[in-house]
Protein backbone atom coordinates (compact mmCIF):
# COMPACT_ATOMS: atom_id res chain seq x y z
CA MET A 1 -4.75 15.10 -33.80
CA ILE A 2 -3.15 15.26 -30.34
CA ARG A 3 -4.60 12.81 -27.86
CA ALA A 4 -4.92 13.70 -24.19
CA LYS A 5 -2.41 11.89 -21.99
CA LYS A 6 -3.91 8.92 -20.17
CA THR A 7 -4.44 9.66 -16.49
CA GLU A 8 -4.23 7.28 -13.52
CA TYR A 9 -8.02 7.38 -13.51
CA ASP A 10 -8.12 6.11 -17.11
CA THR A 11 -5.78 3.23 -16.31
CA ALA A 12 -7.74 2.31 -13.17
CA CYS A 13 -11.03 1.83 -15.00
CA GLU A 14 -9.96 0.80 -18.49
CA CYS A 15 -10.73 -2.91 -17.99
CA ILE A 16 -14.40 -2.18 -17.17
CA LEU A 17 -15.19 0.57 -19.69
CA HIS A 18 -17.13 -1.91 -21.83
CA ILE A 19 -19.32 -2.60 -18.78
CA VAL A 20 -19.62 0.97 -17.46
CA PRO A 21 -18.97 3.18 -20.51
CA SER A 22 -20.18 6.32 -18.72
CA LEU A 23 -16.87 6.36 -16.81
CA THR A 24 -15.36 7.99 -19.90
CA SER A 25 -17.63 11.01 -19.47
CA VAL A 26 -15.81 12.28 -16.37
CA PRO A 27 -14.18 15.69 -17.00
CA ASN A 28 -10.39 15.67 -17.19
CA ASP A 29 -9.93 18.01 -14.25
CA ILE A 30 -11.83 15.58 -12.03
CA LYS A 31 -9.91 12.60 -13.46
CA HIS A 32 -6.67 14.20 -12.25
CA LYS A 33 -8.10 14.65 -8.74
CA ALA A 34 -10.07 11.41 -8.45
CA THR A 35 -9.15 9.04 -5.62
CA GLU A 36 -11.92 6.43 -5.83
CA ILE A 37 -14.47 4.98 -8.26
CA ARG A 38 -17.38 3.56 -6.26
CA LEU A 39 -19.83 1.06 -7.75
CA LYS A 40 -22.75 -0.14 -5.62
CA ALA A 41 -25.64 -2.31 -6.79
CA GLY A 42 -28.83 -0.29 -7.11
CA GLN A 43 -27.07 3.07 -6.91
CA PRO A 44 -25.40 5.48 -9.34
CA VAL A 45 -21.67 5.45 -10.02
CA ARG A 46 -19.79 7.89 -7.81
CA ILE A 47 -16.31 9.36 -8.33
CA ARG A 48 -14.62 10.65 -5.21
CA TYR A 49 -12.30 13.64 -5.47
CA GLU A 50 -11.21 16.34 -3.00
CA ASP A 51 -13.52 14.97 -0.26
CA THR A 52 -16.60 15.28 -2.45
CA TYR A 53 -18.31 13.17 -5.12
CA LEU A 54 -19.26 13.40 -8.76
CA THR A 55 -22.41 11.32 -9.26
CA LEU A 56 -22.98 9.85 -12.72
CA GLN A 57 -26.42 9.01 -14.09
CA THR A 58 -25.57 5.35 -14.60
CA ILE A 59 -27.27 3.01 -12.10
CA ILE A 60 -25.22 -0.13 -11.44
CA ASP A 61 -27.01 -3.47 -11.07
CA ILE A 62 -25.75 -6.71 -9.56
CA THR A 63 -25.08 -8.18 -13.02
CA ALA A 64 -22.71 -5.32 -13.84
CA ILE A 65 -20.93 -5.80 -10.50
CA LYS A 66 -20.41 -9.49 -11.32
CA GLN A 67 -19.11 -8.59 -14.78
CA CYS A 68 -16.65 -6.10 -13.25
CA ILE A 69 -15.27 -8.75 -10.89
CA GLU A 70 -14.77 -11.09 -13.85
CA ALA A 71 -12.98 -8.33 -15.76
CA PHE A 72 -10.72 -7.54 -12.78
CA CYS A 73 -9.82 -11.26 -12.71
CA ARG A 74 -9.15 -11.24 -16.47
CA TYR A 75 -12.00 -13.74 -16.82
CA SER A 76 -10.23 -16.35 -14.71
CA VAL A 77 -11.90 -15.93 -11.32
CA TYR A 78 -10.52 -19.24 -10.08
CA ASN A 79 -6.95 -17.89 -10.26
CA TYR A 80 -7.89 -14.95 -8.05
CA GLU A 81 -9.73 -16.80 -5.28
CA ASN A 82 -7.12 -15.91 -2.66
CA ASP A 83 -7.24 -12.24 -3.64
CA ILE A 84 -11.03 -12.29 -3.50
CA ALA A 85 -10.91 -13.89 -0.05
CA ASN A 86 -8.67 -11.00 1.05
CA GLY A 87 -11.23 -8.52 -0.28
CA PHE A 88 -9.30 -6.84 -3.08
CA ILE A 89 -7.62 -7.36 -6.44
CA THR A 90 -4.57 -5.42 -7.61
CA LEU A 91 -5.07 -3.99 -11.09
CA LYS A 92 -2.66 -2.99 -13.82
CA GLY A 93 -1.05 0.30 -12.83
CA GLY A 94 -1.10 -0.56 -9.13
CA HIS A 95 -4.73 0.41 -8.61
CA ARG A 96 -6.84 -1.68 -6.26
CA ALA A 97 -10.40 -2.94 -6.58
CA GLY A 98 -11.83 -3.65 -3.14
CA PHE A 99 -15.25 -5.17 -2.64
CA CYS A 100 -17.73 -6.47 -0.08
CA GLY A 101 -20.42 -9.13 -0.06
CA ASN A 102 -21.19 -12.38 1.76
CA ALA A 103 -18.21 -13.99 3.50
CA VAL A 104 -17.76 -17.76 3.21
CA TYR A 105 -15.77 -19.27 6.10
CA THR A 106 -13.72 -22.47 6.02
CA ASP A 107 -11.90 -23.56 9.20
CA ASN A 108 -12.59 -20.19 10.83
CA ARG A 109 -11.02 -18.26 7.95
CA ILE A 110 -12.63 -16.40 5.08
CA SER A 111 -12.16 -18.59 2.02
CA TYR A 112 -14.27 -16.61 -0.44
CA ILE A 113 -16.60 -13.62 -0.81
CA LYS A 114 -19.73 -14.25 -2.84
CA ASN A 115 -22.64 -12.08 -3.97
CA VAL A 116 -20.43 -8.99 -4.20
CA SER A 117 -22.62 -5.91 -3.91
CA SER A 118 -20.10 -3.03 -3.82
CA VAL A 119 -16.82 -2.27 -5.53
CA ASN A 120 -14.40 0.51 -4.68
CA ILE A 121 -11.53 1.16 -7.09
CA ARG A 122 -8.81 3.05 -5.26
CA ILE A 123 -6.67 5.03 -7.70
CA ALA A 124 -2.93 4.69 -7.04
CA ARG A 125 -0.69 7.71 -7.40
CA GLU A 126 2.97 8.08 -6.62
CA HIS A 127 4.13 11.23 -4.82
CA LYS A 128 7.76 11.26 -5.82
CA GLY A 129 10.03 13.37 -3.65
CA CYS A 130 7.99 13.28 -0.44
CA ALA A 131 10.64 11.15 1.29
CA GLU A 132 13.67 13.25 0.30
CA ALA A 133 14.23 14.47 3.88
CA LEU A 134 14.27 10.89 5.12
CA SER A 135 16.56 9.63 2.39
CA ASP A 136 19.14 12.27 3.29
CA ILE A 137 19.70 10.79 6.76
CA PHE A 138 20.73 7.48 5.20
CA GLU A 139 23.66 9.31 3.64
CA LYS A 140 24.72 11.21 6.77
CA GLU A 141 23.77 9.05 9.75
CA ASN A 142 23.79 5.47 10.98
CA VAL A 143 20.20 4.39 10.30
CA PHE A 144 19.59 0.84 11.47
CA GLY A 145 15.92 1.09 12.44
CA LEU A 146 13.43 3.61 11.06
CA LEU A 147 9.79 3.91 12.04
CA ILE A 148 7.47 6.11 9.95
CA ALA A 149 4.52 6.99 12.20
CA GLY A 150 1.32 8.94 11.82
CA ARG A 151 -2.42 8.88 12.00
CA PRO A 152 -4.52 6.94 9.47
CA LEU A 153 -4.60 8.58 6.02
CA THR A 154 -1.50 10.70 6.64
CA GLY A 155 0.42 8.95 3.86
CA LYS A 156 2.66 6.47 5.70
CA THR A 157 2.69 3.95 2.84
CA THR A 158 3.16 6.78 0.34
CA VAL A 159 6.25 8.03 2.16
CA LEU A 160 7.56 4.49 2.71
CA ARG A 161 7.23 3.70 -1.00
CA ASP A 162 9.02 6.88 -2.04
CA LEU A 163 11.80 6.18 0.44
CA CYS A 164 12.22 2.72 -1.12
CA ARG A 165 12.32 4.32 -4.57
CA ILE A 166 15.14 6.63 -3.54
CA ILE A 167 17.35 4.46 -1.33
CA GLY A 168 16.49 1.28 -3.26
CA ASP A 169 19.01 2.40 -5.86
CA ARG A 170 21.80 2.36 -3.23
CA TYR A 171 20.82 -0.33 -0.73
CA ARG A 172 19.50 -3.85 -1.10
CA LEU A 173 15.94 -3.74 0.19
CA ALA A 174 13.72 -6.73 0.92
CA ILE A 175 10.15 -5.41 0.86
CA ILE A 176 7.69 -7.68 2.66
CA ASP A 177 4.57 -6.51 0.81
CA GLU A 178 1.99 -8.56 2.71
CA ARG A 179 -1.05 -6.83 1.21
CA ASN A 180 0.58 -5.74 -2.06
CA GLU A 181 0.26 -2.07 -1.14
CA ILE A 182 3.87 -0.92 -1.48
CA ALA A 183 4.98 -2.17 -4.91
CA ALA A 184 1.51 -3.23 -6.13
CA CYS A 185 2.82 -6.15 -8.19
CA TYR A 186 0.73 -7.13 -11.20
CA GLU A 187 1.68 -10.37 -12.93
CA GLY A 188 5.02 -10.27 -11.12
CA ILE A 189 5.91 -6.74 -12.22
CA ASN A 190 6.05 -3.80 -9.79
CA GLN A 191 3.50 -1.21 -10.85
CA LEU A 192 4.91 1.40 -8.46
CA SER A 193 8.56 2.40 -8.13
CA THR A 194 10.56 0.86 -5.29
CA GLY A 195 14.18 1.14 -6.47
CA ASP A 196 16.33 -1.02 -8.72
CA LEU A 197 17.93 -3.00 -5.87
CA SER A 198 14.66 -3.82 -4.13
CA ASP A 199 13.27 -7.35 -3.99
CA VAL A 200 9.54 -7.64 -3.30
CA PHE A 201 8.02 -10.52 -1.33
CA THR A 202 4.34 -10.22 -2.25
CA GLY A 203 1.71 -11.90 -0.08
CA PHE A 204 4.15 -13.24 2.51
CA ASN A 205 3.25 -12.69 6.13
CA LYS A 206 5.87 -10.71 8.00
CA GLN A 207 7.55 -13.59 9.82
CA ASP A 208 7.83 -15.81 6.73
CA GLY A 209 8.94 -12.87 4.59
CA ILE A 210 11.67 -11.84 7.02
CA GLU A 211 12.99 -15.38 7.31
CA ARG A 212 13.13 -15.94 3.56
CA ALA A 213 14.53 -12.51 2.82
CA VAL A 214 17.48 -12.97 5.14
CA ARG A 215 18.14 -16.51 3.92
CA THR A 216 17.88 -15.82 0.20
CA MET A 217 18.40 -12.15 -0.73
CA SER A 218 21.05 -10.80 1.73
CA PRO A 219 19.32 -7.43 2.19
CA ASP A 220 20.75 -4.32 3.82
CA TYR A 221 17.25 -3.43 5.07
CA VAL A 222 13.96 -5.26 5.45
CA VAL A 223 10.90 -3.07 4.79
CA LEU A 224 7.52 -3.68 6.47
CA ASP A 225 4.28 -1.75 6.05
CA GLU A 226 2.75 -1.69 9.55
CA LEU A 227 4.08 -3.14 12.76
CA GLY A 228 3.19 -6.77 13.24
CA ALA A 229 6.37 -8.79 13.04
CA ASP A 230 7.22 -10.46 16.35
CA ILE A 231 10.16 -9.23 18.37
CA ASP A 232 12.12 -12.45 17.83
CA SER A 233 11.99 -11.94 14.03
CA ILE A 234 13.23 -8.37 14.38
CA ARG A 235 15.94 -9.43 16.85
CA SER A 236 17.09 -12.00 14.30
CA LEU A 237 17.51 -9.20 11.75
CA MET A 238 19.62 -7.25 14.21
CA ASN A 239 21.80 -10.28 14.86
CA CYS A 240 22.38 -10.59 11.10
CA GLY A 241 23.30 -6.91 10.79
CA VAL A 242 20.19 -6.15 8.75
CA GLY A 243 18.35 -2.85 9.31
CA ILE A 244 14.58 -2.45 9.42
CA ILE A 245 12.22 0.17 8.01
CA MET A 246 8.53 0.09 8.96
CA THR A 247 5.37 2.12 9.53
CA ALA A 248 2.90 2.39 12.40
CA HIS A 249 -0.52 3.95 13.10
CA LEU A 250 0.06 6.37 15.97
CA GLN A 251 -2.12 9.32 16.87
CA ASP A 252 0.64 11.55 18.26
CA GLU A 253 3.96 11.54 20.09
CA ARG A 254 2.20 10.79 23.38
CA GLU A 255 0.94 7.52 21.95
CA LEU A 256 4.43 6.94 20.55
CA VAL A 257 5.73 6.86 24.11
CA ASN A 258 2.99 4.56 25.40
CA ASN A 259 2.64 2.14 22.48
CA GLU A 260 3.68 -1.33 23.64
CA ALA A 261 5.05 -2.47 20.27
CA VAL A 262 7.19 0.66 19.94
CA LYS A 263 8.43 0.29 23.52
CA SER A 264 9.44 -3.30 22.74
CA LEU A 265 11.34 -2.19 19.62
CA LYS A 266 13.13 0.54 21.56
CA GLY A 267 13.81 -1.91 24.35
CA ILE A 268 15.81 -4.26 22.11
CA GLY A 269 17.57 -1.36 20.38
CA ALA A 270 15.84 -1.88 17.05
CA LEU A 271 15.11 1.80 16.38
CA SER A 272 17.50 4.64 15.62
CA HIS A 273 15.07 7.12 14.02
CA ILE A 274 11.33 7.87 14.11
CA ALA A 275 9.67 10.05 11.45
CA MET A 276 6.38 11.64 12.51
CA LEU A 277 4.05 12.65 9.66
CA SER A 278 1.97 15.80 9.56
CA ASP A 279 -1.74 15.67 10.44
CA LYS A 280 -2.46 18.59 8.13
CA GLU A 281 -1.04 17.48 4.79
CA LYS A 282 -0.75 13.95 3.43
CA GLY A 283 2.74 12.60 2.89
CA VAL A 284 4.56 15.40 4.68
CA ILE A 285 7.24 14.66 7.30
CA ASP A 286 6.63 16.83 10.36
CA ARG A 287 9.77 15.93 12.31
CA ILE A 288 12.47 13.30 12.64
CA ILE A 289 13.25 12.01 16.12
CA ARG A 290 16.77 10.69 16.67
CA LEU A 291 17.07 8.11 19.42
CA GLN A 292 20.19 7.40 21.41
CA PRO A 293 22.31 4.88 19.49
CA GLN A 294 22.10 1.44 21.07
CA ARG A 295 24.30 -0.56 18.71
């Protein structure tokens, strides 16, 4: 008997199948297209795919939600308190279980989320090859600062990850994975490909990650998902001869010109290339802008 190959959907929900067994009833063609598994107390299970939903007959109650959280935490909730405070837990395979409930604040910061009422499992998929056009310029041109820009949901992190996968076999990359979205480490192991020479700093804020990366791992490039590092940190990279690769939410090229953070980066000569992503298709590079070399 030939068994069907396990899909990303199967991996994403396998730890809660004993709690929500109806998840196995989803047709294979929908499993391959699924992007989210949504569980909400008092409502049926919903599977999102292609901008629509498959609604299962199973109604989730608050007890099942609690059991799912325990399963995501491998029945050691205490060890995942920081993840819970951040609102998500990274699962085996790089999938992510996000949730909402009542926030508990300590010293003006969220220290925990209790009474979780909704869970959204986002299914991780790699789109290998989408950054090929970007990787080519690292072979042919002097790339010391690359910004991957686009609107929300255009695939910036997807392209960034694939670029790391390709050039991370040739260059030493220090990936500052603040929210564990690039490599999706699970128990210290990257669940998504980022290249053999890449070192991943999971959970570090950008300033701390940059400082430690330069001091300890001698990278060729530091990789950041989203602007947010201060200019002094980026200037310190330049002074050490380390390049930078990052992403930014920008609506269009007009905003690219007016964005204060981008203007600051250009002002200190930190950017050599800007890749604008397509609005029409996720993970597609629309054009590459080459700036005047300033180094």
